[in-house]
Amino acid sequence: MKPVRDNARAAMETLPKAARGAETGTHAGHHTAALMEIARPAALTLVDPWTEDAVRDARALAQAIPQATRDAQAAAVATAYPDATILRTTSAEALAGMGDGALDWLWLDGGKHYDTILADLEVAARVVRPGGIVAGAGWHWGAELGHPVRAAVTDLAARLPGATVETRGQYWTLRLPDAVRLAPRPEGRFLVVSTMKNEAPYILEWLAHHRALGFDDFLIFTNDCEDGTTALLDRLQARGVLTHQPNRVLRRGPHKSALKWAKDHIATLRAEWIFIADVDEFLDIRAGDGTVPGLLRTLGPETDVVSFPWKVFGNGGVTAFADRLVTAQFTRCEPLPRRGGRPAREVKTLFRKLETMYHLGLHRPRIRDEWVDRIVWKAPDGTDLSGRMNRGQVWAMPWGGCQDAAYLRHYPLRSLEAYILKKNRGRANHVGEDLGRDYWEKWNMGGGRDAPPVVPGFEDALAELRADRGVRQLHRRGVEWHRAQYAALMDVPAYRALREALGATEPADGTA
């Protein structure tokens, strides 16, 4: 077996000697030998389930190890360390069974997803004596997930006055204070998950709109941006407005890849309520006090999921790309069902209890079989949709009754010039699909009108974002890039012909 790294040895040197210790995530015993040599524990407990788990092994970046290999690892560890207490179970179960102050140190090297290691750390604060050490590996693990170990250790230390953290490359040590008083987890966070590519001119309005509605965190994935979107998001991240996550795109495509990473991302696992939406979608909440928390209060504490139907806004005859609010520029939309509009619409969904969901979809999550009878799914007007939505993959709903409660304004086209740029960029969820006249005619809906939304606090939220000079400059550069890119595309005959063809079309009336 290879020797452990110098950084690992340095972290192990901080452990109390000849004391009571435990290691979780023993696996093949890679760190165990060094722990025995350096810490020389008087008593050692080794914890690992050494068992396949379909749910756990399906998580992002998880290792899928054949059961035969796991069994061989367990047998080898038992042979090598006959004096150790070996618990073939999860770290959660093993630690829960230990008494207060039962350990002088704990080496955590099992599950590294944020929720798993945070739960272990919280129990460790009780099981390890005051002044003891909790240490482990994985400080830089999981960049796609926001570095979960780093986040969990940092969050735990912030809730534990007097705790100190030291890092050595991938390895970390957490020294507990002499008096352990662990503060509760923060509650009630509202998160929006989104993907973006070349959306710089539209970001500030969208953020301000949803911040005013009560969302306090944003997890935004990007890939292959050319217009300064990444730079603007990085600046906003530095100001604490959002989390910008570069998207490692898998074969499933950009949007679905982002949702795979999002399910196990630290921002998602920190949140209570999660909403997946694009930058061309704006919630319009009429019920309660006009905020998301206010709407949930009107729906009742039993509510777990709320689906918001789209209302599609067409181009409205707007030709030029302009640095103006999208919601103010476009007011022509599809008609309501009572005026001849289609009776059902696609949805986007706000939900909690992430552990009950096995899949995060673009329009809605999918519920694990054992939870389908326990999740309460509602429409914004209070209609119970549980029977319709809890089973299967339905992602449309009747929407006529939602107009006075809440719905989602969807602006798939914006101006004609913006649409030309969208065609050049391509779609996030339909790689290889060509955006042309068919898409334009499908979504260029008219027949109805809807005034811009009135969102209390929106102007202040937008002014706060714009108060930073760097943000203003990066927004302006994004606008300039879009104008220059459009001018360049007009030198391409195919794009020029498309512009002329689209300019001659009439909006659809949107009726069913």
Protein backbone atom coordinates (compact mmCIF):
# COMPACT_ATOMS: atom_id res chain seq x y z
CA MET A 1 0.00 0.00 0.00
CA LYS A 2 1.35 3.42 -0.94
CA PRO A 3 2.50 5.67 1.92
CA VAL A 4 0.21 8.58 2.77
CA ARG A 5 1.10 12.06 1.65
CA ASP A 6 3.15 14.42 3.79
CA ASN A 7 0.11 16.67 4.21
CA ALA A 8 -1.84 13.72 5.58
CA ARG A 9 0.92 12.89 8.04
CA ALA A 10 1.06 16.50 9.17
CA ALA A 11 -2.70 16.49 9.84
CA MET A 12 -2.40 13.21 11.75
CA GLU A 13 0.38 14.65 13.92
CA THR A 14 -2.22 17.01 15.44
CA LEU A 15 -4.24 14.07 16.81
CA PRO A 16 -3.95 13.34 20.56
CA LYS A 17 -1.54 10.46 21.16
CA ALA A 18 -2.36 7.21 22.98
CA ALA A 19 -6.00 8.27 23.02
CA ARG A 20 -9.43 7.07 21.84
CA GLY A 21 -9.82 7.47 18.10
CA ALA A 22 -12.03 6.44 15.22
CA GLU A 23 -11.82 6.44 11.44
CA THR A 24 -14.88 6.57 9.19
CA GLY A 25 -14.58 5.56 5.55
CA THR A 26 -11.84 3.03 6.19
CA HIS A 27 -12.21 1.43 2.74
CA ALA A 28 -8.99 -0.54 2.07
CA GLY A 29 -7.24 0.92 5.11
CA HIS A 30 -5.07 3.39 3.19
CA HIS A 31 -4.98 5.91 6.07
CA THR A 32 -5.41 3.39 8.87
CA ALA A 33 -1.79 2.26 8.99
CA ALA A 34 -0.55 5.85 9.23
CA LEU A 35 -3.11 6.65 11.94
CA MET A 36 -1.88 3.68 13.96
CA GLU A 37 1.76 4.69 13.50
CA ILE A 38 1.39 8.40 14.21
CA ALA A 39 -1.48 8.67 16.73
CA ARG A 40 -0.78 5.29 18.42
CA PRO A 41 -4.39 5.09 19.67
CA ALA A 42 -5.16 3.32 22.92
CA ALA A 43 -8.47 2.30 21.36
CA LEU A 44 -9.44 2.47 17.68
CA THR A 45 -12.82 2.12 15.99
CA LEU A 46 -12.97 1.59 12.23
CA VAL A 47 -16.24 2.42 10.47
CA ASP A 48 -17.29 1.56 6.92
CA PRO A 49 -20.40 -0.17 5.54
CA TRP A 50 -18.35 -1.93 2.84
CA THR A 51 -21.71 -2.35 1.10
CA GLU A 52 -23.09 -1.27 -2.25
CA ASP A 53 -25.88 1.29 -2.02
CA ALA A 54 -27.72 2.17 -5.24
CA VAL A 55 -28.85 5.60 -4.05
CA ARG A 56 -25.51 6.60 -2.57
CA ASP A 57 -23.50 5.22 -5.47
CA ALA A 58 -25.63 7.13 -8.00
CA ARG A 59 -24.75 10.52 -6.52
CA ALA A 60 -22.50 12.87 -8.48
CA LEU A 61 -18.81 11.88 -8.32
CA ALA A 62 -19.57 8.86 -6.13
CA GLN A 63 -17.42 5.75 -6.43
CA ALA A 64 -19.20 2.59 -7.52
CA ILE A 65 -17.16 -0.33 -6.18
CA PRO A 66 -18.21 -3.98 -6.77
CA GLN A 67 -19.48 -5.75 -3.68
CA ALA A 68 -16.81 -8.45 -4.00
CA THR A 69 -14.12 -5.78 -3.76
CA ARG A 70 -15.79 -4.23 -0.73
CA ASP A 71 -16.00 -7.60 0.99
CA ALA A 72 -12.32 -8.22 0.33
CA GLN A 73 -11.43 -4.81 1.76
CA ALA A 74 -13.43 -5.50 4.93
CA ALA A 75 -11.76 -8.89 5.42
CA ALA A 76 -8.28 -7.46 4.90
CA VAL A 77 -8.88 -4.64 7.40
CA ALA A 78 -10.23 -7.08 10.00
CA THR A 79 -7.12 -9.22 9.59
CA ALA A 80 -4.68 -6.31 9.72
CA TYR A 81 -6.22 -4.67 12.81
CA PRO A 82 -7.49 -7.44 15.09
CA ASP A 83 -7.51 -5.18 18.17
CA ALA A 84 -9.70 -2.53 16.54
CA THR A 85 -13.44 -2.34 16.99
CA ILE A 86 -14.85 -2.69 13.46
CA LEU A 87 -18.34 -1.37 12.75
CA ARG A 88 -19.63 -2.41 9.35
CA THR A 89 -22.25 0.32 9.07
CA THR A 90 -22.60 3.91 7.94
CA SER A 91 -20.83 6.74 9.72
CA ALA A 92 -24.21 8.21 10.66
CA GLU A 93 -25.31 5.03 12.43
CA ALA A 94 -21.94 4.39 14.05
CA LEU A 95 -21.51 7.91 15.42
CA ALA A 96 -25.11 8.08 16.61
CA GLY A 97 -24.44 5.04 18.78
CA MET A 98 -21.47 6.62 20.57
CA GLY A 99 -21.75 8.50 23.84
CA ASP A 100 -20.89 12.13 24.51
CA GLY A 101 -17.11 12.65 24.59
CA ALA A 102 -16.49 9.01 23.66
CA LEU A 103 -13.58 9.94 21.38
CA ASP A 104 -10.51 12.13 21.63
CA TRP A 105 -10.20 12.34 17.86
CA LEU A 106 -12.10 11.37 14.72
CA TRP A 107 -10.73 10.91 11.20
CA LEU A 108 -13.59 11.57 8.72
CA ASP A 109 -12.93 10.10 5.30
CA GLY A 110 -16.26 8.57 4.27
CA GLY A 111 -19.00 10.22 2.23
CA LYS A 112 -17.91 13.65 1.03
CA HIS A 113 -21.19 15.12 -0.18
CA TYR A 114 -22.18 18.21 1.77
CA ASP A 115 -25.22 16.79 3.55
CA THR A 116 -23.40 13.61 4.53
CA ILE A 117 -20.26 15.15 5.98
CA LEU A 118 -22.14 18.02 7.64
CA ALA A 119 -24.35 15.52 9.47
CA ASP A 120 -21.21 13.60 10.54
CA LEU A 121 -19.56 16.80 11.74
CA GLU A 122 -22.60 17.77 13.77
CA VAL A 123 -22.58 14.43 15.60
CA ALA A 124 -18.79 14.61 15.92
CA ALA A 125 -19.17 17.83 17.90
CA ARG A 126 -20.92 15.72 20.55
CA VAL A 127 -18.98 12.46 20.27
CA VAL A 128 -15.48 14.00 20.29
CA ARG A 129 -14.58 15.49 23.66
CA PRO A 130 -14.25 19.29 24.03
CA GLY A 131 -10.80 20.33 22.84
CA GLY A 132 -10.52 17.19 20.70
CA ILE A 133 -9.74 16.95 17.00
CA VAL A 134 -11.86 16.10 13.97
CA ALA A 135 -9.80 15.75 10.80
CA GLY A 136 -9.94 14.27 7.33
CA ALA A 137 -9.35 14.56 3.61
CA GLY A 138 -11.17 16.04 0.62
CA TRP A 139 -10.69 19.79 1.15
CA HIS A 140 -10.42 20.36 -2.62
CA TRP A 141 -12.71 17.50 -3.65
CA GLY A 142 -15.78 18.11 -5.81
CA ALA A 143 -15.22 21.38 -7.66
CA GLU A 144 -18.38 20.68 -9.69
CA LEU A 145 -20.34 20.53 -6.43
CA GLY A 146 -18.86 23.64 -4.82
CA HIS A 147 -16.18 21.81 -2.74
CA PRO A 148 -18.55 20.10 -0.30
CA VAL A 149 -16.03 19.09 2.39
CA ARG A 150 -14.60 22.59 2.56
CA ALA A 151 -18.07 24.09 2.78
CA ALA A 152 -19.28 21.68 5.46
CA VAL A 153 -16.23 22.12 7.69
CA THR A 154 -16.36 25.90 7.29
CA ASP A 155 -20.10 26.02 8.00
CA LEU A 156 -19.78 23.80 11.07
CA ALA A 157 -16.92 25.89 12.46
CA ALA A 158 -18.97 29.07 12.00
CA ARG A 159 -21.69 27.55 14.19
CA LEU A 160 -19.20 26.50 16.88
CA PRO A 161 -17.68 29.52 18.67
CA GLY A 162 -14.03 28.96 19.45
CA ALA A 163 -13.48 26.21 16.88
CA THR A 164 -10.41 26.54 14.66
CA VAL A 165 -9.68 25.06 11.23
CA GLU A 166 -6.29 24.39 9.63
CA THR A 167 -5.68 23.03 6.14
CA ARG A 168 -2.76 21.24 4.50
CA GLY A 169 -3.49 20.67 0.82
CA GLN A 170 -6.37 18.16 0.66
CA TYR A 171 -6.27 17.61 4.43
CA TRP A 172 -7.93 19.58 7.20
CA THR A 173 -8.18 19.60 10.99
CA LEU A 174 -10.96 21.04 13.12
CA ARG A 175 -10.10 21.64 16.77
CA LEU A 176 -13.17 21.76 18.99
CA PRO A 177 -13.42 24.51 21.61
CA ASP A 178 -13.13 23.75 25.31
CA ALA A 179 -16.84 24.46 25.66
CA VAL A 180 -18.91 23.05 22.79
CA ARG A 181 -22.12 24.94 22.01
CA LEU A 182 -23.26 24.17 18.47
CA ALA A 183 -25.65 26.73 17.00
CA PRO A 184 -28.56 25.41 14.86
CA ARG A 185 -28.42 25.30 11.09
CA PRO A 186 -29.64 28.39 9.23
CA GLU A 187 -33.19 27.81 8.00
CA GLY A 188 -35.52 29.02 5.31
CA ARG A 189 -33.17 29.72 2.40
CA PHE A 190 -34.75 30.10 -1.05
CA LEU A 191 -32.56 29.12 -4.01
CA VAL A 192 -32.91 29.59 -7.77
CA VAL A 193 -30.93 27.20 -10.00
CA SER A 194 -30.27 28.38 -13.56
CA THR A 195 -28.03 27.84 -16.57
CA MET A 196 -26.75 30.67 -18.76
CA LYS A 197 -24.82 31.20 -21.94
CA ASN A 198 -24.31 34.70 -23.37
CA GLU A 199 -26.97 36.35 -21.20
CA ALA A 200 -24.99 39.32 -19.82
CA PRO A 201 -27.52 42.07 -20.72
CA TYR A 202 -30.37 40.29 -18.93
CA ILE A 203 -28.79 39.12 -15.67
CA LEU A 204 -29.26 42.17 -13.44
CA GLU A 205 -32.99 42.58 -14.09
CA TRP A 206 -33.63 38.89 -13.54
CA LEU A 207 -31.62 38.79 -10.31
CA ALA A 208 -33.20 41.93 -8.90
CA HIS A 209 -36.68 40.69 -9.76
CA HIS A 210 -36.25 37.38 -7.95
CA ARG A 211 -34.32 38.83 -5.02
CA ALA A 212 -37.25 41.19 -4.46
CA LEU A 213 -39.56 38.16 -4.50
CA GLY A 214 -37.66 36.63 -1.58
CA PHE A 215 -35.00 34.39 -3.14
CA ASP A 216 -31.72 34.79 -1.25
CA ASP A 217 -29.37 32.57 -3.22
CA PHE A 218 -28.75 31.75 -6.88
CA LEU A 219 -26.77 28.84 -8.29
CA ILE A 220 -25.89 29.67 -11.89
CA PHE A 221 -24.09 27.29 -14.24
CA THR A 222 -22.35 28.59 -17.36
CA ASN A 223 -20.42 27.17 -20.28
CA ASP A 224 -18.74 28.62 -23.38
CA CYS A 225 -19.82 32.22 -22.78
CA GLU A 226 -18.38 34.89 -25.05
CA ASP A 227 -20.25 38.05 -24.02
CA GLY A 228 -18.86 38.59 -20.52
CA THR A 229 -21.53 36.59 -18.69
CA THR A 230 -18.91 34.68 -16.69
CA ALA A 231 -17.04 37.82 -15.69
CA LEU A 232 -20.27 39.51 -14.56
CA LEU A 233 -21.33 36.47 -12.55
CA ASP A 234 -17.87 36.22 -10.98
CA ARG A 235 -18.13 39.85 -9.90
CA LEU A 236 -21.58 39.26 -8.42
CA GLN A 237 -20.30 36.14 -6.66
CA ALA A 238 -17.48 38.17 -5.11
CA ARG A 239 -20.15 40.50 -3.72
CA GLY A 240 -22.05 37.60 -2.18
CA VAL A 241 -25.04 37.82 -4.52
CA LEU A 242 -24.86 34.35 -6.09
CA THR A 243 -22.84 31.21 -6.68
CA HIS A 244 -21.31 30.90 -10.15
CA GLN A 245 -20.48 27.32 -11.09
CA PRO A 246 -18.66 26.53 -14.35
CA ASN A 247 -20.59 23.67 -15.93
CA ARG A 248 -18.73 20.48 -16.78
CA VAL A 249 -20.91 19.35 -19.65
CA LEU A 250 -21.62 15.64 -19.95
CA ARG A 251 -23.07 13.75 -22.90
CA ARG A 252 -26.58 14.63 -21.73
CA GLY A 253 -26.02 18.27 -22.75
CA PRO A 254 -25.45 21.55 -20.87
CA HIS A 255 -28.79 21.99 -19.11
CA LYS A 256 -29.25 18.43 -17.93
CA SER A 257 -25.59 18.24 -16.90
CA ALA A 258 -26.06 21.33 -14.76
CA LEU A 259 -29.04 19.76 -13.01
CA LYS A 260 -27.05 16.60 -12.30
CA TRP A 261 -24.38 18.69 -10.56
CA ALA A 262 -27.00 20.92 -8.92
CA LYS A 263 -28.68 18.04 -7.12
CA ASP A 264 -25.56 17.46 -5.00
CA HIS A 265 -24.21 21.02 -5.01
CA ILE A 266 -23.62 22.74 -1.69
CA ALA A 267 -25.95 25.62 -2.60
CA THR A 268 -28.82 23.22 -3.24
CA LEU A 269 -28.17 21.17 -0.12
CA ARG A 270 -28.05 24.34 2.00
CA ALA A 271 -31.43 25.52 0.71
CA GLU A 272 -34.88 24.73 2.05
CA TRP A 273 -36.80 25.72 -1.10
CA ILE A 274 -35.45 25.24 -4.63
CA PHE A 275 -36.70 26.73 -7.90
CA ILE A 276 -35.27 25.85 -11.33
CA ALA A 277 -35.73 28.62 -13.88
CA ASP A 278 -34.08 30.28 -16.88
CA VAL A 279 -33.10 33.91 -17.27
CA ASP A 280 -36.02 34.47 -19.67
CA GLU A 281 -38.53 33.42 -16.99
CA PHE A 282 -39.93 35.75 -14.31
CA LEU A 283 -42.24 34.74 -11.50
CA ASP A 284 -45.28 36.99 -11.14
CA ILE A 285 -46.86 36.59 -7.71
CA ARG A 286 -50.21 38.23 -7.03
CA ALA A 287 -51.30 36.33 -3.89
CA GLY A 288 -50.27 37.15 -0.34
CA ASP A 289 -47.78 39.99 -0.05
CA GLY A 290 -46.37 39.41 -3.54
CA THR A 291 -43.36 37.40 -2.39
CA VAL A 292 -42.56 33.70 -2.51
CA PRO A 293 -42.64 33.29 1.30
CA GLY A 294 -45.95 35.18 1.33
CA LEU A 295 -47.43 32.88 -1.31
CA LEU A 296 -46.35 29.81 0.66
CA ARG A 297 -48.06 31.19 3.75
CA THR A 298 -51.32 31.45 1.82
CA LEU A 299 -50.92 27.86 0.57
CA GLY A 300 -50.36 26.46 4.05
CA PRO A 301 -47.50 24.78 5.92
CA GLU A 302 -48.34 21.35 4.51
CA THR A 303 -47.28 22.45 1.00
CA ASP A 304 -44.13 20.80 -0.33
CA VAL A 305 -44.25 21.59 -4.06
CA VAL A 306 -45.76 24.43 -6.11
CA SER A 307 -45.86 24.40 -9.91
CA PHE A 308 -46.18 27.71 -11.76
CA PRO A 309 -47.63 27.64 -15.28
CA TRP A 310 -45.99 29.55 -18.07
CA LYS A 311 -47.60 32.54 -19.67
CA VAL A 312 -45.77 32.96 -22.97
CA PHE A 313 -44.92 36.46 -24.19
CA GLY A 314 -44.28 36.96 -27.87
CA ASN A 315 -42.04 39.41 -29.69
CA GLY A 316 -44.73 42.09 -29.74
CA GLY A 317 -43.34 43.69 -32.89
CA VAL A 318 -40.12 44.79 -31.14
CA THR A 319 -37.24 44.75 -33.61
CA ALA A 320 -34.19 46.32 -31.96
CA PHE A 321 -32.18 44.86 -29.11
CA ALA A 322 -32.31 47.49 -26.34
CA ASP A 323 -30.76 47.82 -22.89
CA ARG A 324 -34.16 48.07 -21.24
CA LEU A 325 -36.12 45.88 -18.83
CA VAL A 326 -37.44 42.80 -20.61
CA THR A 327 -40.64 42.81 -18.56
CA ALA A 328 -41.35 46.41 -19.60
CA GLN A 329 -40.62 45.90 -23.31
CA PHE A 330 -42.84 42.89 -23.98
CA THR A 331 -46.50 42.91 -22.97
CA ARG A 332 -48.19 40.97 -25.79
CA CYS A 333 -48.78 37.41 -24.72
CA GLU A 334 -50.96 34.37 -25.21
CA PRO A 335 -54.59 34.75 -24.13
CA LEU A 336 -56.01 33.20 -21.00
CA PRO A 337 -58.04 29.98 -21.33
CA ARG A 338 -61.29 31.86 -20.73
CA ARG A 339 -60.48 33.99 -23.78
CA GLY A 340 -59.74 31.04 -26.04
CA GLY A 341 -56.20 30.25 -24.92
CA ARG A 342 -54.94 26.74 -24.44
CA PRO A 343 -56.31 25.12 -21.26
CA ALA A 344 -52.99 23.66 -20.02
CA ARG A 345 -49.47 25.04 -19.89
CA GLU A 346 -45.96 23.78 -19.15
CA VAL A 347 -44.73 24.53 -15.65
CA LYS A 348 -41.65 25.36 -13.61
CA THR A 349 -41.61 24.16 -10.04
CA LEU A 350 -40.66 25.30 -6.53
CA PHE A 351 -40.04 22.47 -4.08
CA ARG A 352 -38.51 21.43 -0.78
CA LYS A 353 -37.56 18.05 0.79
CA LEU A 354 -34.85 17.34 -1.75
CA GLU A 355 -34.24 13.94 -0.20
CA THR A 356 -37.67 12.80 -1.45
CA MET A 357 -36.77 13.52 -5.09
CA TYR A 358 -34.80 11.13 -7.28
CA HIS A 359 -34.51 13.44 -10.30
CA LEU A 360 -34.41 17.19 -10.87
CA GLY A 361 -36.05 18.02 -14.17
CA LEU A 362 -36.17 21.28 -16.06
CA HIS A 363 -39.88 21.60 -15.38
CA ARG A 364 -40.45 19.54 -12.25
CA PRO A 365 -38.78 17.07 -9.89
CA ARG A 366 -39.70 13.40 -9.76
CA ILE A 367 -40.66 11.84 -6.44
CA ARG A 368 -39.31 8.62 -5.01
CA ASP A 369 -41.88 5.84 -4.87
CA GLU A 370 -41.90 5.69 -1.09
CA TRP A 371 -42.87 9.39 -0.90
CA VAL A 372 -45.59 9.70 -3.54
CA ASP A 373 -48.40 9.50 -0.96
CA ARG A 374 -46.78 11.95 1.44
CA ILE A 375 -45.82 14.94 -0.73
CA VAL A 376 -48.37 17.78 -1.04
CA TRP A 377 -48.18 19.37 -4.51
CA LYS A 378 -50.23 22.49 -5.21
CA ALA A 379 -51.02 25.04 -7.88
CA PRO A 380 -50.51 28.70 -6.95
CA ASP A 381 -54.26 29.14 -6.45
CA GLY A 382 -54.29 26.36 -3.85
CA THR A 383 -55.61 23.55 -6.05
CA ASP A 384 -54.15 20.23 -4.87
CA LEU A 385 -52.23 18.66 -7.75
CA SER A 386 -50.80 15.72 -5.80
CA GLY A 387 -52.92 13.14 -7.58
CA ARG A 388 -51.89 14.51 -10.97
CA MET A 389 -48.21 15.25 -10.37
CA ASN A 390 -46.80 12.99 -7.66
CA ARG A 391 -46.61 9.97 -9.92
CA GLY A 392 -45.11 9.96 -13.38
CA GLN A 393 -43.57 12.82 -15.30
CA VAL A 394 -46.44 15.15 -16.17
CA TRP A 395 -45.12 18.68 -16.64
CA ALA A 396 -48.18 20.63 -17.74
CA MET A 397 -51.23 21.76 -15.78
CA PRO A 398 -54.49 23.69 -16.20
CA TRP A 399 -53.62 27.31 -15.62
CA GLY A 400 -56.74 29.40 -15.95
CA GLY A 401 -57.16 29.81 -12.20
CA CYS A 402 -53.57 30.90 -11.57
CA GLN A 403 -53.77 34.38 -13.12
CA ASP A 404 -54.79 36.00 -9.84
CA ALA A 405 -52.40 33.93 -7.70
CA ALA A 406 -49.05 33.39 -9.44
CA TYR A 407 -47.61 32.31 -12.80
CA LEU A 408 -44.34 32.39 -14.71
CA ARG A 409 -43.79 34.97 -17.42
CA HIS A 410 -41.80 33.33 -20.21
CA TYR A 411 -40.03 35.47 -22.83
CA PRO A 412 -38.53 32.91 -25.26
CA LEU A 413 -37.99 35.39 -28.13
CA ARG A 414 -37.47 38.93 -26.83
CA SER A 415 -36.67 41.33 -29.70
CA LEU A 416 -36.09 40.20 -33.27
CA GLU A 417 -32.40 41.12 -33.02
CA ALA A 418 -32.09 39.26 -29.70
CA TYR A 419 -33.63 36.20 -31.33
CA ILE A 420 -31.04 36.27 -34.11
CA LEU A 421 -28.37 36.20 -31.40
CA LYS A 422 -30.17 33.35 -29.63
CA LYS A 423 -30.12 31.32 -32.84
CA ASN A 424 -26.39 31.93 -33.15
CA ARG A 425 -25.84 30.85 -29.53
CA GLY A 426 -27.98 27.70 -29.69
CA ARG A 427 -30.21 26.15 -27.02
CA ALA A 428 -29.01 24.82 -23.68
CA ASN A 429 -31.35 21.84 -23.47
CA HIS A 430 -31.60 20.84 -27.13
CA VAL A 431 -28.06 20.58 -28.45
CA GLY A 432 -27.96 20.65 -32.23
CA GLU A 433 -31.52 21.98 -32.63
CA ASP A 434 -31.63 24.81 -35.14
CA LEU A 435 -33.55 27.90 -34.10
CA GLY A 436 -35.26 29.31 -37.13
CA ARG A 437 -38.64 30.37 -38.39
CA ASP A 438 -40.50 27.37 -36.95
CA TYR A 439 -39.42 28.11 -33.38
CA TRP A 440 -40.20 31.81 -33.84
CA GLU A 441 -43.69 31.15 -35.13
CA LYS A 442 -44.37 28.59 -32.38
CA TRP A 443 -43.56 31.02 -29.56
CA ASN A 444 -44.41 34.41 -31.06
CA MET A 445 -47.75 34.57 -29.30
CA GLY A 446 -50.25 37.37 -29.26
CA GLY A 447 -53.96 37.65 -28.59
CA GLY A 448 -53.49 38.86 -25.04
CA ARG A 449 -51.79 41.62 -23.10
CA ASP A 450 -50.31 41.71 -19.62
CA ALA A 451 -48.83 44.82 -18.00
CA PRO A 452 -45.32 44.63 -16.55
CA PRO A 453 -45.22 42.99 -13.12
CA VAL A 454 -45.32 45.13 -10.00
CA VAL A 455 -42.73 43.75 -7.59
CA PRO A 456 -42.31 45.67 -4.33
CA GLY A 457 -38.64 46.34 -3.74
CA PHE A 458 -37.54 45.63 -7.31
CA GLU A 459 -36.16 49.11 -7.98
CA ASP A 460 -34.15 49.05 -4.75
CA ALA A 461 -32.83 45.57 -5.53
CA LEU A 462 -31.75 46.64 -9.02
CA ALA A 463 -30.14 49.82 -7.69
CA GLU A 464 -28.19 47.77 -5.15
CA LEU A 465 -26.76 45.56 -7.89
CA ARG A 466 -25.94 48.55 -10.08
CA ALA A 467 -24.25 50.40 -7.22
CA ASP A 468 -21.03 48.49 -7.85
CA ARG A 469 -18.95 50.12 -10.56
CA GLY A 470 -17.50 46.81 -11.74
CA VAL A 471 -20.97 45.33 -12.17
CA ARG A 472 -22.10 48.35 -14.19
CA GLN A 473 -19.06 48.14 -16.45
CA LEU A 474 -19.44 44.43 -17.08
CA HIS A 475 -23.15 44.83 -17.84
CA ARG A 476 -22.35 47.60 -20.31
CA ARG A 477 -19.68 45.50 -22.00
CA GLY A 478 -22.18 42.68 -22.39
CA VAL A 479 -24.65 45.03 -24.07
CA GLU A 480 -21.93 46.30 -26.39
CA TRP A 481 -20.92 42.73 -27.29
CA HIS A 482 -24.49 41.82 -28.24
CA ARG A 483 -24.80 44.87 -30.49
CA ALA A 484 -21.48 44.16 -32.17
CA GLN A 485 -22.29 40.48 -32.60
CA TYR A 486 -25.64 41.27 -34.20
CA ALA A 487 -23.96 43.66 -36.64
CA ALA A 488 -21.44 40.95 -37.53
CA LEU A 489 -24.18 38.37 -38.12
CA MET A 490 -25.91 40.72 -40.56
CA ASP A 491 -22.90 40.24 -42.83
CA VAL A 492 -23.80 36.54 -43.04
CA PRO A 493 -26.40 35.92 -45.80
CA ALA A 494 -28.25 33.16 -43.90
CA TYR A 495 -28.77 35.35 -40.84
CA ARG A 496 -29.75 38.36 -42.93
CA ALA A 497 -32.32 36.25 -44.78
CA LEU A 498 -33.74 34.94 -41.51
CA ARG A 499 -34.12 38.45 -40.18
CA GLU A 500 -36.04 39.51 -43.26
CA ALA A 501 -38.26 36.42 -43.08
CA LEU A 502 -39.07 36.86 -39.40
CA GLY A 503 -39.81 40.53 -39.83
CA ALA A 504 -42.59 39.62 -42.25
CA THR A 505 -44.40 37.20 -39.91
CA GLU A 506 -47.41 37.93 -37.76
CA PRO A 507 -47.78 36.75 -34.15
CA ALA A 508 -49.94 33.74 -33.46
CA ASP A 509 -53.13 34.44 -31.57
CA GLY A 510 -52.25 31.76 -29.03
CA THR A 511 -55.68 30.15 -29.01
CA ALA A 512 -56.10 26.44 -28.53
